[in-house]
C-alpha atoms as a PDB file:
ATOM      1  CA  UNK A   1    -101.507  24.070 -58.362  1.00  0.00           C
ATOM      2  CA  UNK A   2     -98.054  25.563 -58.761  1.00  0.00           C
ATOM      3  CA  UNK A   3     -96.473  26.218 -62.158  1.00  0.00           C
ATOM      4  CA  UNK A   4     -93.083  27.431 -63.324  1.00  0.00           C
ATOM      5  CA  UNK A   5     -91.292  27.829 -66.663  1.00  0.00           C
ATOM      6  CA  UNK A   6     -88.030  26.541 -65.170  1.00  0.00           C
ATOM      7  CA  UNK A   7     -87.062  24.440 -62.173  1.00  0.00           C
ATOM      8  CA  UNK A   8     -87.739  26.744 -59.225  1.00  0.00           C
ATOM      9  CA  UNK A   9     -84.959  27.551 -56.774  1.00  0.00           C
ATOM     10  CA  UNK A  10     -87.310  27.324 -53.785  1.00  0.00           C
ATOM     11  CA  UNK A  11     -90.580  25.587 -52.967  1.00  0.00           C
ATOM     12  CA  UNK A  12     -93.650  27.825 -53.340  1.00  0.00           C
ATOM     13  CA  UNK A  13     -95.198  26.196 -50.233  1.00  0.00           C
ATOM     14  CA  UNK A  14     -92.429  25.788 -47.648  1.00  0.00           C
ATOM     15  CA  UNK A  15     -89.480  27.756 -49.073  1.00  0.00           C
ATOM     16  CA  UNK A  16     -87.126  24.746 -49.149  1.00  0.00           C
ATOM     17  CA  UNK A  17     -84.345  24.790 -51.730  1.00  0.00           C
ATOM     18  CA  UNK A  18     -84.584  21.002 -52.158  1.00  0.00           C
ATOM     19  CA  UNK A  19     -86.455  20.696 -55.453  1.00  0.00           C
ATOM     20  CA  UNK A  20     -86.150  17.402 -57.336  1.00  0.00           C
ATOM     21  CA  UNK A  21     -87.014  16.523 -60.912  1.00  0.00           C
ATOM     22  CA  UNK A  22     -89.748  13.869 -61.237  1.00  0.00           C
ATOM     23  CA  UNK A  23     -89.095  11.049 -63.702  1.00  0.00           C
ATOM     24  CA  UNK A  24     -92.087   9.071 -65.005  1.00  0.00           C
ATOM     25  CA  UNK A  25     -92.059   5.843 -67.001  1.00  0.00           C
ATOM     26  CA  UNK A  26     -89.854   2.770 -66.738  1.00  0.00           C
ATOM     27  CA  UNK A  27     -86.346   4.211 -66.461  1.00  0.00           C
ATOM     28  CA  UNK A  28     -83.202   2.221 -67.126  1.00  0.00           C
ATOM     29  CA  UNK A  29     -81.609   2.113 -63.684  1.00  0.00           C
ATOM     30  CA  UNK A  30     -77.987   3.227 -63.390  1.00  0.00           C
ATOM     31  CA  UNK A  31     -75.599   4.036 -60.542  1.00  0.00           C
ATOM     32  CA  UNK A  32     -75.863   7.729 -61.537  1.00  0.00           C
ATOM     33  CA  UNK A  33     -79.655   7.588 -61.233  1.00  0.00           C
ATOM     34  CA  UNK A  34     -79.386   5.973 -57.803  1.00  0.00           C
ATOM     35  CA  UNK A  35     -76.986   8.727 -56.641  1.00  0.00           C
ATOM     36  CA  UNK A  36     -79.422  11.423 -57.834  1.00  0.00           C
ATOM     37  CA  UNK A  37     -82.254   9.701 -55.947  1.00  0.00           C
ATOM     38  CA  UNK A  38     -80.111   9.389 -52.809  1.00  0.00           C
ATOM     39  CA  UNK A  39     -79.101  13.078 -53.065  1.00  0.00           C
ATOM     40  CA  UNK A  40     -82.726  14.245 -53.412  1.00  0.00           C
ATOM     41  CA  UNK A  41     -82.224  15.485 -56.979  1.00  0.00           C
ATOM     42  CA  UNK A  42     -84.522  12.914 -58.619  1.00  0.00           C
ATOM     43  CA  UNK A  43     -87.847  11.351 -57.633  1.00  0.00           C
ATOM     44  CA  UNK A  44     -89.413   8.411 -59.453  1.00  0.00           C
ATOM     45  CA  UNK A  45     -92.999   9.348 -60.272  1.00  0.00           C
ATOM     46  CA  UNK A  46     -94.281   5.927 -61.315  1.00  0.00           C
ATOM     47  CA  UNK A  47     -94.612   4.021 -64.556  1.00  0.00           C
ATOM     48  CA  UNK A  48     -97.891   5.571 -65.744  1.00  0.00           C
ATOM     49  CA  UNK A  49     -97.342   8.677 -67.868  1.00  0.00           C
ATOM     50  CA  UNK A  50    -100.218  11.115 -68.373  1.00  0.00           C
ATOM     51  CA  UNK A  51    -100.584  14.274 -70.417  1.00  0.00           C
ATOM     52  CA  UNK A  52    -100.298  16.497 -67.350  1.00  0.00           C
ATOM     53  CA  UNK A  53     -97.720  15.191 -64.890  1.00  0.00           C
ATOM     54  CA  UNK A  54     -95.809  17.459 -62.510  1.00  0.00           C
ATOM     55  CA  UNK A  55     -92.195  18.172 -63.500  1.00  0.00           C
ATOM     56  CA  UNK A  56     -90.684  18.896 -60.052  1.00  0.00           C
ATOM     57  CA  UNK A  57     -91.395  18.095 -56.406  1.00  0.00           C
ATOM     58  CA  UNK A  58     -90.236  19.578 -53.122  1.00  0.00           C
ATOM     59  CA  UNK A  59     -88.220  16.969 -51.233  1.00  0.00           C
ATOM     60  CA  UNK A  60     -89.226  18.431 -47.855  1.00  0.00           C
ATOM     61  CA  UNK A  61     -92.994  18.997 -48.120  1.00  0.00           C
ATOM     62  CA  UNK A  62     -93.944  17.086 -51.282  1.00  0.00           C
ATOM     63  CA  UNK A  63     -95.405  20.074 -53.155  1.00  0.00           C
ATOM     64  CA  UNK A  64     -95.669  19.297 -56.857  1.00  0.00           C
ATOM     65  CA  UNK A  65     -94.796  21.902 -59.482  1.00  0.00           C
ATOM     66  CA  UNK A  66     -95.982  21.719 -63.070  1.00  0.00           C
ATOM     67  CA  UNK A  67     -94.051  23.141 -66.015  1.00  0.00           C
ATOM     68  CA  UNK A  68     -95.730  26.049 -67.788  1.00  0.00           C
ATOM     69  CA  UNK A  69     -96.107  25.752 -71.536  1.00  0.00           C
ATOM     70  CA  UNK A  70     -93.375  27.675 -73.279  1.00  0.00           C
END
C-alpha cells in the first residue's frame, strides 16, 4: 500500500507523472468534470464511500495511493 501526504508527482510503482485524483460518491456531472476525466486528472471511484478509500491513482498502471493522516 502506498501513502503520501500530498498528491505525488510520480507513481511509486511505474514512475509515471500521470496521477489522477479519485472522486467517490455520486458527483454532480459538469462539463469541467468531464474535461478532467478526459485529461486523466480525475477518476470516478464509484458511489460507495468507505472510511479508507485511496485518494489518487496512477493513470498508466492503476496503482492506488492513500493519503496519510496529517
